[in-house]
Amino acid sequence: VHEIHHLLGAIKNGTDVAPYGATFEDGY
């Protein structure tokens, strides 16, 4: 819930997923 809420907030507000969310760069 927290993770997806964070992503939806980034989509809605145009903010970065990083540093608190793991981006695909973090996955790499």
PDB file of all heavy atoms in Angstrom:
ATOM      1  N   VAL A   1       0.840  -1.191   0.000  1.00  0.00           N
ATOM      2  CA  VAL A   1       0.000   0.000   0.000  1.00  0.00           C
ATOM      3  C   VAL A   1       0.878   1.245   0.000  1.00  0.00           C
ATOM      4  O   VAL A   1       0.691   2.179  -0.802  1.00  0.00           O
ATOM      5  CB  VAL A   1      -0.947   0.014   1.213  1.00  0.00           C
ATOM      6  CG1 VAL A   1      -1.741   1.319   1.263  1.00  0.00           C
ATOM      7  CG2 VAL A   1      -1.892  -1.186   1.180  1.00  0.00           C
ATOM      8  N   HIS A   2       1.866   1.285   0.877  1.00  0.00           N
ATOM      9  CA  HIS A   2       2.766   2.438   0.964  1.00  0.00           C
ATOM     10  C   HIS A   2       3.551   2.615  -0.334  1.00  0.00           C
ATOM     11  O   HIS A   2       3.729   3.745  -0.820  1.00  0.00           O
ATOM     12  CB  HIS A   2       3.744   2.258   2.123  1.00  0.00           C
ATOM     13  CG  HIS A   2       3.080   2.013   3.439  1.00  0.00           C
ATOM     14  ND1 HIS A   2       3.703   1.349   4.482  1.00  0.00           N
ATOM     15  CD2 HIS A   2       1.837   2.340   3.896  1.00  0.00           C
ATOM     16  CE1 HIS A   2       2.886   1.289   5.518  1.00  0.00           C
ATOM     17  NE2 HIS A   2       1.747   1.872   5.189  1.00  0.00           N
ATOM     18  N   GLU A   3       4.035   1.503  -0.872  1.00  0.00           N
ATOM     19  CA  GLU A   3       4.855   1.548  -2.080  1.00  0.00           C
ATOM     20  C   GLU A   3       4.067   2.071  -3.277  1.00  0.00           C
ATOM     21  O   GLU A   3       4.519   2.974  -4.003  1.00  0.00           O
ATOM     22  CB  GLU A   3       5.378   0.134  -2.367  1.00  0.00           C
ATOM     23  CG  GLU A   3       6.217   0.003  -3.626  1.00  0.00           C
ATOM     24  CD  GLU A   3       6.713  -1.421  -3.796  1.00  0.00           C
ATOM     25  OE1 GLU A   3       5.877  -2.340  -3.956  1.00  0.00           O
ATOM     26  OE2 GLU A   3       7.938  -1.612  -3.741  1.00  0.00           O
ATOM     27  N   ILE A   4       2.883   1.535  -3.496  1.00  0.00           N
ATOM     28  CA  ILE A   4       2.088   1.940  -4.647  1.00  0.00           C
ATOM     29  C   ILE A   4       1.543   3.352  -4.458  1.00  0.00           C
ATOM     30  O   ILE A   4       1.461   4.129  -5.416  1.00  0.00           O
ATOM     31  CB  ILE A   4       0.970   0.911  -4.912  1.00  0.00           C
ATOM     32  CG1 ILE A   4       1.590  -0.427  -5.344  1.00  0.00           C
ATOM     33  CG2 ILE A   4      -0.002   1.416  -5.962  1.00  0.00           C
ATOM     34  CD1 ILE A   4       0.605  -1.567  -5.446  1.00  0.00           C
ATOM     35  N   HIS A   5       1.196   3.717  -3.232  1.00  0.00           N
ATOM     36  CA  HIS A   5       0.778   5.090  -2.946  1.00  0.00           C
ATOM     37  C   HIS A   5       1.894   6.063  -3.330  1.00  0.00           C
ATOM     38  O   HIS A   5       1.640   7.128  -3.915  1.00  0.00           O
ATOM     39  CB  HIS A   5       0.428   5.230  -1.467  1.00  0.00           C
ATOM     40  CG  HIS A   5      -0.051   6.584  -1.073  1.00  0.00           C
ATOM     41  ND1 HIS A   5       0.818   7.606  -0.751  1.00  0.00           N
ATOM     42  CD2 HIS A   5      -1.302   7.101  -0.946  1.00  0.00           C
ATOM     43  CE1 HIS A   5       0.126   8.689  -0.441  1.00  0.00           C
ATOM     44  NE2 HIS A   5      -1.164   8.407  -0.550  1.00  0.00           N
ATOM     45  N   HIS A   6       3.132   5.700  -3.011  1.00  0.00           N
ATOM     46  CA  HIS A   6       4.286   6.537  -3.354  1.00  0.00           C
ATOM     47  C   HIS A   6       4.405   6.703  -4.873  1.00  0.00           C
ATOM     48  O   HIS A   6       4.641   7.813  -5.370  1.00  0.00           O
ATOM     49  CB  HIS A   6       5.553   5.904  -2.786  1.00  0.00           C
ATOM     50  CG  HIS A   6       6.809   6.634  -3.118  1.00  0.00           C
ATOM     51  ND1 HIS A   6       7.195   7.782  -2.479  1.00  0.00           N
ATOM     52  CD2 HIS A   6       7.778   6.372  -4.043  1.00  0.00           C
ATOM     53  CE1 HIS A   6       8.351   8.205  -2.973  1.00  0.00           C
ATOM     54  NE2 HIS A   6       8.719   7.362  -3.926  1.00  0.00           N
ATOM     55  N   LEU A   7       4.243   5.606  -5.600  1.00  0.00           N
ATOM     56  CA  LEU A   7       4.323   5.676  -7.061  1.00  0.00           C
ATOM     57  C   LEU A   7       3.194   6.519  -7.638  1.00  0.00           C
ATOM     58  O   LEU A   7       3.422   7.352  -8.532  1.00  0.00           O
ATOM     59  CB  LEU A   7       4.282   4.262  -7.649  1.00  0.00           C
ATOM     60  CG  LEU A   7       4.256   4.173  -9.182  1.00  0.00           C
ATOM     61  CD1 LEU A   7       5.482   4.836  -9.795  1.00  0.00           C
ATOM     62  CD2 LEU A   7       4.151   2.712  -9.625  1.00  0.00           C
ATOM     63  N   LEU A   8       1.978   6.343  -7.149  1.00  0.00           N
ATOM     64  CA  LEU A   8       0.854   7.132  -7.646  1.00  0.00           C
ATOM     65  C   LEU A   8       1.059   8.616  -7.365  1.00  0.00           C
ATOM     66  O   LEU A   8       0.690   9.470  -8.191  1.00  0.00           O
ATOM     67  CB  LEU A   8      -0.450   6.647  -7.022  1.00  0.00           C
ATOM     68  CG  LEU A   8      -0.901   5.225  -7.371  1.00  0.00           C
ATOM     69  CD1 LEU A   8      -2.216   4.897  -6.681  1.00  0.00           C
ATOM     70  CD2 LEU A   8      -1.012   5.023  -8.877  1.00  0.00           C
ATOM     71  N   GLY A   9       1.657   8.928  -6.225  1.00  0.00           N
ATOM     72  CA  GLY A   9       1.956  10.316  -5.925  1.00  0.00           C
ATOM     73  C   GLY A   9       2.964  10.897  -6.889  1.00  0.00           C
ATOM     74  O   GLY A   9       2.844  12.062  -7.311  1.00  0.00           O
ATOM     75  N   ALA A  10       3.969  10.108  -7.260  1.00  0.00           N
ATOM     76  CA  ALA A  10       4.968  10.563  -8.225  1.00  0.00           C
ATOM     77  C   ALA A  10       4.333  10.795  -9.592  1.00  0.00           C
ATOM     78  O   ALA A  10       4.671  11.756 -10.301  1.00  0.00           O
ATOM     79  CB  ALA A  10       6.102   9.542  -8.319  1.00  0.00           C
ATOM     80  N   ILE A  11       3.403   9.923  -9.974  1.00  0.00           N
ATOM     81  CA  ILE A  11       2.711  10.083 -11.252  1.00  0.00           C
ATOM     82  C   ILE A  11       1.836  11.333 -11.226  1.00  0.00           C
ATOM     83  O   ILE A  11       1.856  12.141 -12.162  1.00  0.00           O
ATOM     84  CB  ILE A  11       1.867   8.827 -11.551  1.00  0.00           C
ATOM     85  CG1 ILE A  11       2.775   7.612 -11.796  1.00  0.00           C
ATOM     86  CG2 ILE A  11       0.951   9.069 -12.753  1.00  0.00           C
ATOM     87  CD1 ILE A  11       2.028   6.291 -11.853  1.00  0.00           C
ATOM     88  N   LYS A  12       1.074  11.498 -10.157  1.00  0.00           N
ATOM     89  CA  LYS A  12       0.144  12.619 -10.054  1.00  0.00           C
ATOM     90  C   LYS A  12       0.886  13.958  -9.999  1.00  0.00           C
ATOM     91  O   LYS A  12       0.501  14.923 -10.680  1.00  0.00           O
ATOM     92  CB  LYS A  12      -0.714  12.454  -8.798  1.00  0.00           C
ATOM     93  CG  LYS A  12      -1.589  13.662  -8.447  1.00  0.00           C
ATOM     94  CD  LYS A  12      -2.728  13.871  -9.434  1.00  0.00           C
ATOM     95  CE  LYS A  12      -3.595  15.059  -9.056  1.00  0.00           C
ATOM     96  NZ  LYS A  12      -4.266  14.881  -7.742  1.00  0.00           N
ATOM     97  N   ASN A  13       1.953  14.027  -9.215  1.00  0.00           N
ATOM     98  CA  ASN A  13       2.610  15.294  -8.938  1.00  0.00           C
ATOM     99  C   ASN A  13       3.861  15.550  -9.775  1.00  0.00           C
ATOM    100  O   ASN A  13       4.469  16.613  -9.651  1.00  0.00           O
ATOM    101  CB  ASN A  13       2.974  15.353  -7.448  1.00  0.00           C
ATOM    102  CG  ASN A  13       1.756  15.222  -6.558  1.00  0.00           C
ATOM    103  OD1 ASN A  13       0.718  15.824  -6.805  1.00  0.00           O
ATOM    104  ND2 ASN A  13       1.871  14.396  -5.515  1.00  0.00           N
ATOM    105  N   GLY A  14       4.253  14.563 -10.586  1.00  0.00           N
ATOM    106  CA  GLY A  14       5.450  14.723 -11.392  1.00  0.00           C
ATOM    107  C   GLY A  14       6.730  14.733 -10.575  1.00  0.00           C
ATOM    108  O   GLY A  14       7.745  15.299 -10.990  1.00  0.00           O
ATOM    109  N   THR A  15       6.704  14.084  -9.416  1.00  0.00           N
ATOM    110  CA  THR A  15       7.868  14.026  -8.542  1.00  0.00           C
ATOM    111  C   THR A  15       8.686  12.766  -8.810  1.00  0.00           C
ATOM    112  O   THR A  15       8.248  11.857  -9.517  1.00  0.00           O
ATOM    113  CB  THR A  15       7.432  14.069  -7.069  1.00  0.00           C
ATOM    114  OG1 THR A  15       6.436  13.052  -6.847  1.00  0.00           O
ATOM    115  CG2 THR A  15       6.830  15.417  -6.726  1.00  0.00           C
ATOM    116  N   ASP A  16       9.870  12.723  -8.215  1.00  0.00           N
ATOM    117  CA  ASP A  16      10.762  11.585  -8.440  1.00  0.00           C
ATOM    118  C   ASP A  16      10.342  10.380  -7.598  1.00  0.00           C
ATOM    119  O   ASP A  16       9.911  10.536  -6.448  1.00  0.00           O
ATOM    120  CB  ASP A  16      12.193  11.957  -8.086  1.00  0.00           C
ATOM    121  CG  ASP A  16      12.795  12.989  -9.036  1.00  0.00           C
ATOM    122  OD1 ASP A  16      12.330  13.053 -10.189  1.00  0.00           O
ATOM    123  OD2 ASP A  16      13.720  13.711  -8.614  1.00  0.00           O
ATOM    124  N   VAL A  17      10.507   9.201  -8.155  1.00  0.00           N
ATOM    125  CA  VAL A  17      10.313   7.968  -7.394  1.00  0.00           C
ATOM    126  C   VAL A  17      11.448   7.809  -6.380  1.00  0.00           C
ATOM    127  O   VAL A  17      11.236   7.410  -5.234  1.00  0.00           O
ATOM    128  CB  VAL A  17      10.235   6.762  -8.340  1.00  0.00           C
ATOM    129  CG1 VAL A  17      10.309   5.444  -7.565  1.00  0.00           C
ATOM    130  CG2 VAL A  17       8.956   6.816  -9.163  1.00  0.00           C
ATOM    131  N   ALA A  18      12.677   8.123  -6.787  1.00  0.00           N
ATOM    132  CA  ALA A  18      13.824   8.099  -5.880  1.00  0.00           C
ATOM    133  C   ALA A  18      13.799   9.341  -4.987  1.00  0.00           C
ATOM    134  O   ALA A  18      13.169  10.333  -5.335  1.00  0.00           O
ATOM    135  CB  ALA A  18      15.108   8.074  -6.708  1.00  0.00           C
ATOM    136  N   PRO A  19      14.466   9.305  -3.840  1.00  0.00           N
ATOM    137  CA  PRO A  19      15.324   8.225  -3.340  1.00  0.00           C
ATOM    138  C   PRO A  19      14.609   7.196  -2.470  1.00  0.00           C
ATOM    139  O   PRO A  19      15.182   6.154  -2.167  1.00  0.00           O
ATOM    140  CB  PRO A  19      16.346   8.990  -2.491  1.00  0.00           C
ATOM    141  CG  PRO A  19      15.545  10.114  -1.899  1.00  0.00           C
ATOM    142  CD  PRO A  19      14.577  10.520  -2.989  1.00  0.00           C
ATOM    143  N   TYR A  20      13.359   7.469  -2.074  1.00  0.00           N
ATOM    144  CA  TYR A  20      12.711   6.537  -1.148  1.00  0.00           C
ATOM    145  C   TYR A  20      12.148   5.317  -1.860  1.00  0.00           C
ATOM    146  O   TYR A  20      12.148   4.220  -1.301  1.00  0.00           O
ATOM    147  CB  TYR A  20      11.623   7.265  -0.360  1.00  0.00           C
ATOM    148  CG  TYR A  20      12.176   8.303   0.568  1.00  0.00           C
ATOM    149  CD1 TYR A  20      11.924   9.650   0.382  1.00  0.00           C
ATOM    150  CD2 TYR A  20      12.995   7.924   1.631  1.00  0.00           C
ATOM    151  CE1 TYR A  20      12.462  10.605   1.243  1.00  0.00           C
ATOM    152  CE2 TYR A  20      13.539   8.867   2.495  1.00  0.00           C
ATOM    153  CZ  TYR A  20      13.264  10.201   2.292  1.00  0.00           C
ATOM    154  OH  TYR A  20      13.808  11.132   3.139  1.00  0.00           O
ATOM    155  N   GLY A  21      11.669   5.481  -3.063  1.00  0.00           N
ATOM    156  CA  GLY A  21      11.261   4.342  -3.860  1.00  0.00           C
ATOM    157  C   GLY A  21      12.424   3.848  -4.698  1.00  0.00           C
ATOM    158  O   GLY A  21      13.320   4.607  -5.069  1.00  0.00           O
ATOM    159  N   ALA A  22      12.427   2.551  -4.984  1.00  0.00           N
ATOM    160  CA  ALA A  22      13.475   1.972  -5.823  1.00  0.00           C
ATOM    161  C   ALA A  22      13.097   2.146  -7.287  1.00  0.00           C
ATOM    162  O   ALA A  22      12.062   1.661  -7.730  1.00  0.00           O
ATOM    163  CB  ALA A  22      13.659   0.492  -5.500  1.00  0.00           C
ATOM    164  N   THR A  23      13.933   2.846  -8.040  1.00  0.00           N
ATOM    165  CA  THR A  23      13.718   2.989  -9.471  1.00  0.00           C
ATOM    166  C   THR A  23      14.292   1.773 -10.196  1.00  0.00           C
ATOM    167  O   THR A  23      14.921   0.897  -9.590  1.00  0.00           O
ATOM    168  CB  THR A  23      14.407   4.251  -9.992  1.00  0.00           C
ATOM    169  OG1 THR A  23      15.837   4.082  -9.844  1.00  0.00           O
ATOM    170  CG2 THR A  23      13.959   5.491  -9.224  1.00  0.00           C
ATOM    171  N   PHE A  24      14.125   1.742 -11.505  1.00  0.00           N
ATOM    172  CA  PHE A  24      14.733   0.662 -12.279  1.00  0.00           C
ATOM    173  C   PHE A  24      16.261   0.751 -12.231  1.00  0.00           C
ATOM    174  O   PHE A  24      16.946  -0.261 -12.383  1.00  0.00           O
ATOM    175  CB  PHE A  24      14.233   0.696 -13.718  1.00  0.00           C
ATOM    176  CG  PHE A  24      12.854   0.111 -13.895  1.00  0.00           C
ATOM    177  CD1 PHE A  24      12.066  -0.208 -12.808  1.00  0.00           C
ATOM    178  CD2 PHE A  24      12.341  -0.121 -15.170  1.00  0.00           C
ATOM    179  CE1 PHE A  24      10.798  -0.747 -12.970  1.00  0.00           C
ATOM    180  CE2 PHE A  24      11.077  -0.657 -15.344  1.00  0.00           C
ATOM    181  CZ  PHE A  24      10.297  -0.976 -14.248  1.00  0.00           C
ATOM    182  N   GLU A  25      16.806   1.946 -12.023  1.00  0.00           N
ATOM    183  CA  GLU A  25      18.258   2.030 -11.834  1.00  0.00           C
ATOM    184  C   GLU A  25      18.657   1.294 -10.565  1.00  0.00           C
ATOM    185  O   GLU A  25      19.680   0.595 -10.532  1.00  0.00           O
ATOM    186  CB  GLU A  25      18.725   3.478 -11.768  1.00  0.00           C
ATOM    187  CG  GLU A  25      20.233   3.578 -11.579  1.00  0.00           C
ATOM    188  CD  GLU A  25      20.780   4.988 -11.564  1.00  0.00           C
ATOM    189  OE1 GLU A  25      19.979   5.945 -11.617  1.00  0.00           O
ATOM    190  OE2 GLU A  25      22.024   5.134 -11.483  1.00  0.00           O
ATOM    191  N   ASP A  26      17.873   1.433  -9.498  1.00  0.00           N
ATOM    192  CA  ASP A  26      18.152   0.681  -8.273  1.00  0.00           C
ATOM    193  C   ASP A  26      18.054  -0.823  -8.521  1.00  0.00           C
ATOM    194  O   ASP A  26      18.855  -1.606  -8.003  1.00  0.00           O
ATOM    195  CB  ASP A  26      17.178   1.090  -7.172  1.00  0.00           C
ATOM    196  CG  ASP A  26      17.427   2.497  -6.658  1.00  0.00           C
ATOM    197  OD1 ASP A  26      18.544   2.768  -6.204  1.00  0.00           O
ATOM    198  OD2 ASP A  26      16.499   3.328  -6.726  1.00  0.00           O
ATOM    199  N   GLY A  27      17.050  -1.235  -9.307  1.00  0.00           N
ATOM    200  CA  GLY A  27      16.928  -2.643  -9.648  1.00  0.00           C
ATOM    201  C   GLY A  27      18.138  -3.142 -10.394  1.00  0.00           C
ATOM    202  O   GLY A  27      18.642  -4.254 -10.144  1.00  0.00           O
ATOM    203  N   TYR A  28      18.643  -2.313 -11.325  1.00  0.00           N
ATOM    204  CA  TYR A  28      19.842  -2.685 -12.075  1.00  0.00           C
ATOM    205  C   TYR A  28      21.067  -2.775 -11.154  1.00  0.00           C
ATOM    206  O   TYR A  28      21.852  -3.721 -11.228  1.00  0.00           O
ATOM    207  CB  TYR A  28      20.098  -1.679 -13.202  1.00  0.00           C
ATOM    208  CG  TYR A  28      21.546  -1.597 -13.583  1.00  0.00           C
ATOM    209  CD1 TYR A  28      22.169  -2.664 -14.226  1.00  0.00           C
ATOM    210  CD2 TYR A  28      22.317  -0.478 -13.251  1.00  0.00           C
ATOM    211  CE1 TYR A  28      23.523  -2.616 -14.530  1.00  0.00           C
ATOM    212  CE2 TYR A  28      23.654  -0.423 -13.553  1.00  0.00           C
ATOM    213  CZ  TYR A  28      24.263  -1.490 -14.192  1.00  0.00           C
ATOM    214  OH  TYR A  28      25.606  -1.443 -14.480  1.00  0.00           O
TER     215      TYR A  28
END
